[in-house]
Amino acid sequence: MEHQVQIHQAKSGLPLLIVRGCATASSVDPLAEAERWFKLIEPQVRDLPETARVGVLGLGSGYHLDVLSREVKNQIIAFDSDPALAAASDWFAHRFPAHVSLKFVDVEAGVASFFSADDVRTFISNRIVLLRHKPSFLRDQRGLTTVGNWLTGRDRLSLNTHLQCRAEFSSLVDCDRQSGEWLLSVKDLSRLWKVEAEVSEQRRLFRILEELVR
């Protein structure tokens, strides 16, 4: 895998990673590109509660994570599914502050393997904000889209993992009406939702769940 990754110099003088001939950041000025990216996503991360977590889909060359970690002090996990970047992980070693961690995902191992990791289950146990790094999607759209779908509960196993890990969700679902089976689909929710879910606070949580699976 290592021969698939090269280090080039941008016109600004900063180094950047080239994966299979595809630049992972701007070949002109990757740091300026990262600053522009942050301005676009800033409304999503402004004034987050301390317990909220931020997920970034795509490592790129790491410059967007440099800017994000400087401006946002919530826990940040950057996900990437490209084996070539995983093989070049030394590029990212000791680069980011303590509230930033990297997660290389083996998409071929499947969704059950992904959610079996303690760090992933901890990550989704509270409110999450998921950000896309566009240059990374140009490099690995299939893999990052899959990871994004898992993190937003777009299949049965993903949805159920979110329900189990988020106490405010699982406590509202009436498991007695599931005939002993835990795997729910979005269509099941209206059938299983408790009558009490109509009260305002629970209805608000239902809206959050609807956002999760949108």
Protein backbone atom coordinates (compact mmCIF):
# COMPACT_ATOMS: atom_id res chain seq x y z
CA MET A 1 0.00 0.00 0.00
CA GLU A 2 2.80 2.43 0.79
CA HIS A 3 3.75 2.88 -2.88
CA GLN A 4 0.22 4.25 -3.45
CA VAL A 5 0.96 7.24 -1.21
CA GLN A 6 3.41 9.99 -2.10
CA ILE A 7 4.31 13.31 -0.49
CA HIS A 8 4.27 16.34 -2.76
CA GLN A 9 4.83 20.00 -2.05
CA ALA A 10 2.02 22.47 -2.62
CA LYS A 11 2.73 25.82 -4.25
CA SER A 12 2.49 27.38 -0.78
CA GLY A 13 5.39 25.20 0.33
CA LEU A 14 3.34 22.90 2.58
CA PRO A 15 3.55 19.13 2.08
CA LEU A 16 0.49 17.12 1.15
CA LEU A 17 -0.35 13.48 0.53
CA ILE A 18 -1.07 12.11 -2.93
CA VAL A 19 -2.99 8.82 -2.87
CA ARG A 20 -3.11 6.81 -6.11
CA GLY A 21 -2.40 10.00 -8.02
CA CYS A 22 -5.20 11.93 -6.27
CA ALA A 23 -4.33 14.94 -4.10
CA THR A 24 -5.83 14.76 -0.61
CA ALA A 25 -5.81 18.55 -0.25
CA SER A 26 -5.26 21.64 -2.39
CA SER A 27 -2.03 21.52 -4.39
CA VAL A 28 -1.95 25.32 -4.23
CA ASP A 29 -2.48 26.09 -0.52
CA PRO A 30 -3.90 23.26 1.62
CA LEU A 31 -4.06 25.38 4.76
CA ALA A 32 -6.07 28.14 3.06
CA GLU A 33 -8.39 25.46 1.70
CA ALA A 34 -8.82 24.10 5.23
CA GLU A 35 -9.68 27.57 6.55
CA ARG A 36 -12.36 27.92 3.84
CA TRP A 37 -13.73 24.48 4.71
CA PHE A 38 -14.04 25.47 8.36
CA LYS A 39 -15.94 28.65 7.50
CA LEU A 40 -18.47 26.52 5.59
CA ILE A 41 -19.04 24.05 8.44
CA GLU A 42 -18.68 26.53 11.31
CA PRO A 43 -22.45 26.95 11.83
CA GLN A 44 -22.69 23.19 12.51
CA VAL A 45 -20.11 23.25 15.30
CA ARG A 46 -20.70 26.65 16.84
CA ASP A 47 -21.90 26.61 20.49
CA LEU A 48 -22.01 22.82 20.82
CA PRO A 49 -22.65 21.43 24.30
CA GLU A 50 -19.52 19.99 25.90
CA THR A 51 -20.84 16.43 25.63
CA ALA A 52 -21.40 16.63 21.86
CA ARG A 53 -18.89 14.88 19.61
CA VAL A 54 -17.71 15.81 16.16
CA GLY A 55 -17.04 13.23 13.46
CA VAL A 56 -15.14 14.05 10.28
CA LEU A 57 -15.45 11.81 7.24
CA GLY A 58 -12.04 11.88 5.56
CA LEU A 59 -8.51 12.53 6.81
CA GLY A 60 -7.16 14.25 3.72
CA SER A 61 -3.70 15.60 4.52
CA GLY A 62 -4.91 16.64 7.97
CA TYR A 63 -4.97 20.40 7.49
CA HIS A 64 -8.74 20.65 7.96
CA LEU A 65 -8.31 18.76 11.25
CA ASP A 66 -5.61 21.21 12.31
CA VAL A 67 -8.04 24.09 11.84
CA LEU A 68 -11.05 22.28 13.31
CA SER A 69 -9.16 21.19 16.45
CA ARG A 70 -7.93 24.73 16.95
CA GLU A 71 -11.46 26.16 16.86
CA VAL A 72 -13.48 23.31 18.43
CA LYS A 73 -12.62 21.70 21.78
CA ASN A 74 -15.23 18.93 21.71
CA GLN A 75 -14.06 15.36 21.17
CA ILE A 76 -13.26 14.89 17.47
CA ILE A 77 -12.89 11.60 15.62
CA ALA A 78 -11.77 11.60 12.00
CA PHE A 79 -12.83 8.50 10.06
CA ASP A 80 -11.21 7.18 6.91
CA SER A 81 -11.74 3.95 5.01
CA ASP A 82 -8.79 4.05 2.60
CA PRO A 83 -6.27 1.25 3.35
CA ALA A 84 -3.55 3.32 1.65
CA LEU A 85 -3.94 6.09 4.23
CA ALA A 86 -3.99 3.57 7.05
CA ALA A 87 -0.64 2.27 5.77
CA ALA A 88 0.68 5.85 5.80
CA SER A 89 -0.54 6.60 9.34
CA ASP A 90 2.93 7.83 10.40
CA TRP A 91 2.09 11.04 8.52
CA PHE A 92 -0.51 11.84 11.20
CA ALA A 93 1.41 10.56 14.26
CA HIS A 94 1.63 13.03 17.18
CA ARG A 95 0.21 15.78 14.99
CA PHE A 96 -3.10 16.61 16.65
CA PRO A 97 -4.09 17.65 20.19
CA ALA A 98 -5.45 15.16 22.70
CA HIS A 99 -9.13 15.75 21.88
CA VAL A 100 -8.60 14.51 18.31
CA SER A 101 -8.37 10.82 17.41
CA LEU A 102 -8.20 8.97 14.09
CA LYS A 103 -10.20 5.89 13.13
CA PHE A 104 -9.21 3.81 10.12
CA VAL A 105 -12.25 1.74 9.14
CA ASP A 106 -12.16 -1.59 7.31
CA VAL A 107 -15.41 -1.27 5.38
CA GLU A 108 -15.09 -4.81 4.03
CA ALA A 109 -15.27 -6.15 7.61
CA GLY A 110 -18.86 -4.89 7.77
CA VAL A 111 -21.12 -2.86 10.00
CA ALA A 112 -21.14 -5.31 12.92
CA SER A 113 -17.36 -5.16 13.16
CA PHE A 114 -17.45 -1.36 13.00
CA PHE A 115 -19.87 -1.04 15.91
CA SER A 116 -18.12 -3.69 17.99
CA ALA A 117 -15.34 -1.17 18.67
CA ASP A 118 -15.68 0.54 22.05
CA ASP A 119 -14.50 3.90 20.72
CA VAL A 120 -17.23 3.92 18.08
CA ARG A 121 -19.97 2.98 20.55
CA THR A 122 -18.75 5.66 22.95
CA PHE A 123 -18.67 8.18 20.12
CA ILE A 124 -22.34 7.66 19.21
CA SER A 125 -23.55 7.52 22.82
CA ASN A 126 -24.22 11.25 22.82
CA ARG A 127 -25.11 13.90 20.28
CA ILE A 128 -22.84 13.81 17.23
CA VAL A 129 -22.18 16.24 14.41
CA LEU A 130 -20.92 14.63 11.22
CA LEU A 131 -18.81 16.65 8.78
CA ARG A 132 -17.76 15.72 5.24
CA HIS A 133 -14.33 16.52 3.84
CA LYS A 134 -15.06 16.90 0.13
CA PRO A 135 -11.54 16.14 -1.23
CA SER A 136 -11.61 12.85 0.67
CA PHE A 137 -14.93 11.90 -0.94
CA LEU A 138 -13.41 12.49 -4.35
CA ARG A 139 -10.75 9.95 -3.39
CA ASP A 140 -12.93 7.32 -1.67
CA GLN A 141 -16.61 8.09 -2.11
CA ARG A 142 -17.86 4.52 -1.68
CA GLY A 143 -16.01 3.83 1.56
CA LEU A 144 -16.71 7.16 3.24
CA THR A 145 -20.37 7.12 2.19
CA THR A 146 -20.68 3.68 3.79
CA VAL A 147 -19.12 4.89 7.04
CA GLY A 148 -21.36 7.96 6.99
CA ASN A 149 -24.44 5.78 6.52
CA TRP A 150 -23.43 3.63 9.49
CA LEU A 151 -22.91 6.71 11.66
CA THR A 152 -26.35 8.05 10.74
CA GLY A 153 -28.26 4.81 11.32
CA ARG A 154 -29.33 4.15 7.72
CA ASP A 155 -29.61 0.38 8.03
CA ARG A 156 -31.21 -1.82 10.66
CA LEU A 157 -28.10 -2.77 12.58
CA SER A 158 -26.78 0.78 12.60
CA LEU A 159 -30.12 2.19 13.73
CA ASN A 160 -30.42 -0.35 16.53
CA THR A 161 -26.90 0.32 17.71
CA HIS A 162 -27.75 4.02 17.98
CA LEU A 163 -30.91 3.19 19.89
CA GLN A 164 -29.02 0.98 22.30
CA CYS A 165 -26.15 3.42 22.85
CA ARG A 166 -28.32 6.51 23.33
CA ALA A 167 -30.21 6.13 26.59
CA GLU A 168 -32.72 8.83 25.68
CA PHE A 169 -33.74 6.77 22.64
CA SER A 170 -33.81 3.26 24.08
CA SER A 171 -35.82 4.38 27.12
CA LEU A 172 -38.62 5.64 24.86
CA VAL A 173 -39.03 2.48 22.81
CA ASP A 174 -41.41 -0.08 24.29
CA CYS A 175 -39.41 -3.31 23.94
CA ASP A 176 -42.35 -5.40 25.22
CA ARG A 177 -44.12 -4.79 21.92
CA GLN A 178 -41.26 -6.16 19.86
CA SER A 179 -42.04 -9.84 20.51
CA GLY A 180 -38.54 -10.31 21.87
CA GLU A 181 -36.75 -9.09 18.76
CA TRP A 182 -34.54 -6.04 19.09
CA LEU A 183 -33.79 -5.27 15.44
CA LEU A 184 -35.98 -2.35 14.41
CA SER A 185 -36.41 -0.58 11.13
CA VAL A 186 -37.52 3.01 10.68
CA LYS A 187 -40.95 1.69 9.65
CA ASP A 188 -41.22 -0.15 12.97
CA LEU A 189 -40.89 3.04 15.02
CA SER A 190 -44.46 4.25 14.60
CA ARG A 191 -45.75 0.81 15.67
CA LEU A 192 -43.41 0.53 18.66
CA TRP A 193 -43.45 4.11 19.87
CA LYS A 194 -44.94 4.52 23.30
CA VAL A 195 -48.09 6.57 23.77
CA GLU A 196 -46.07 8.78 26.16
CA ALA A 197 -43.85 9.77 23.24
CA GLU A 198 -46.46 12.34 22.29
CA VAL A 199 -45.45 14.58 25.21
CA SER A 200 -43.23 17.47 24.25
CA GLU A 201 -39.84 16.32 25.59
CA GLN A 202 -40.11 12.85 24.09
CA ARG A 203 -41.44 14.27 20.86
CA ARG A 204 -38.34 16.45 20.67
CA LEU A 205 -36.17 13.34 21.01
CA PHE A 206 -38.18 11.64 18.29
CA ARG A 207 -37.34 14.58 16.01
CA ILE A 208 -33.65 14.11 16.84
CA LEU A 209 -33.97 10.44 15.86
CA GLU A 210 -35.68 11.41 12.62
CA GLU A 211 -32.70 13.66 11.88
CA LEU A 212 -30.38 10.73 12.59
CA VAL A 213 -31.96 8.50 9.95
CA ARG A 214 -32.80 11.17 7.37
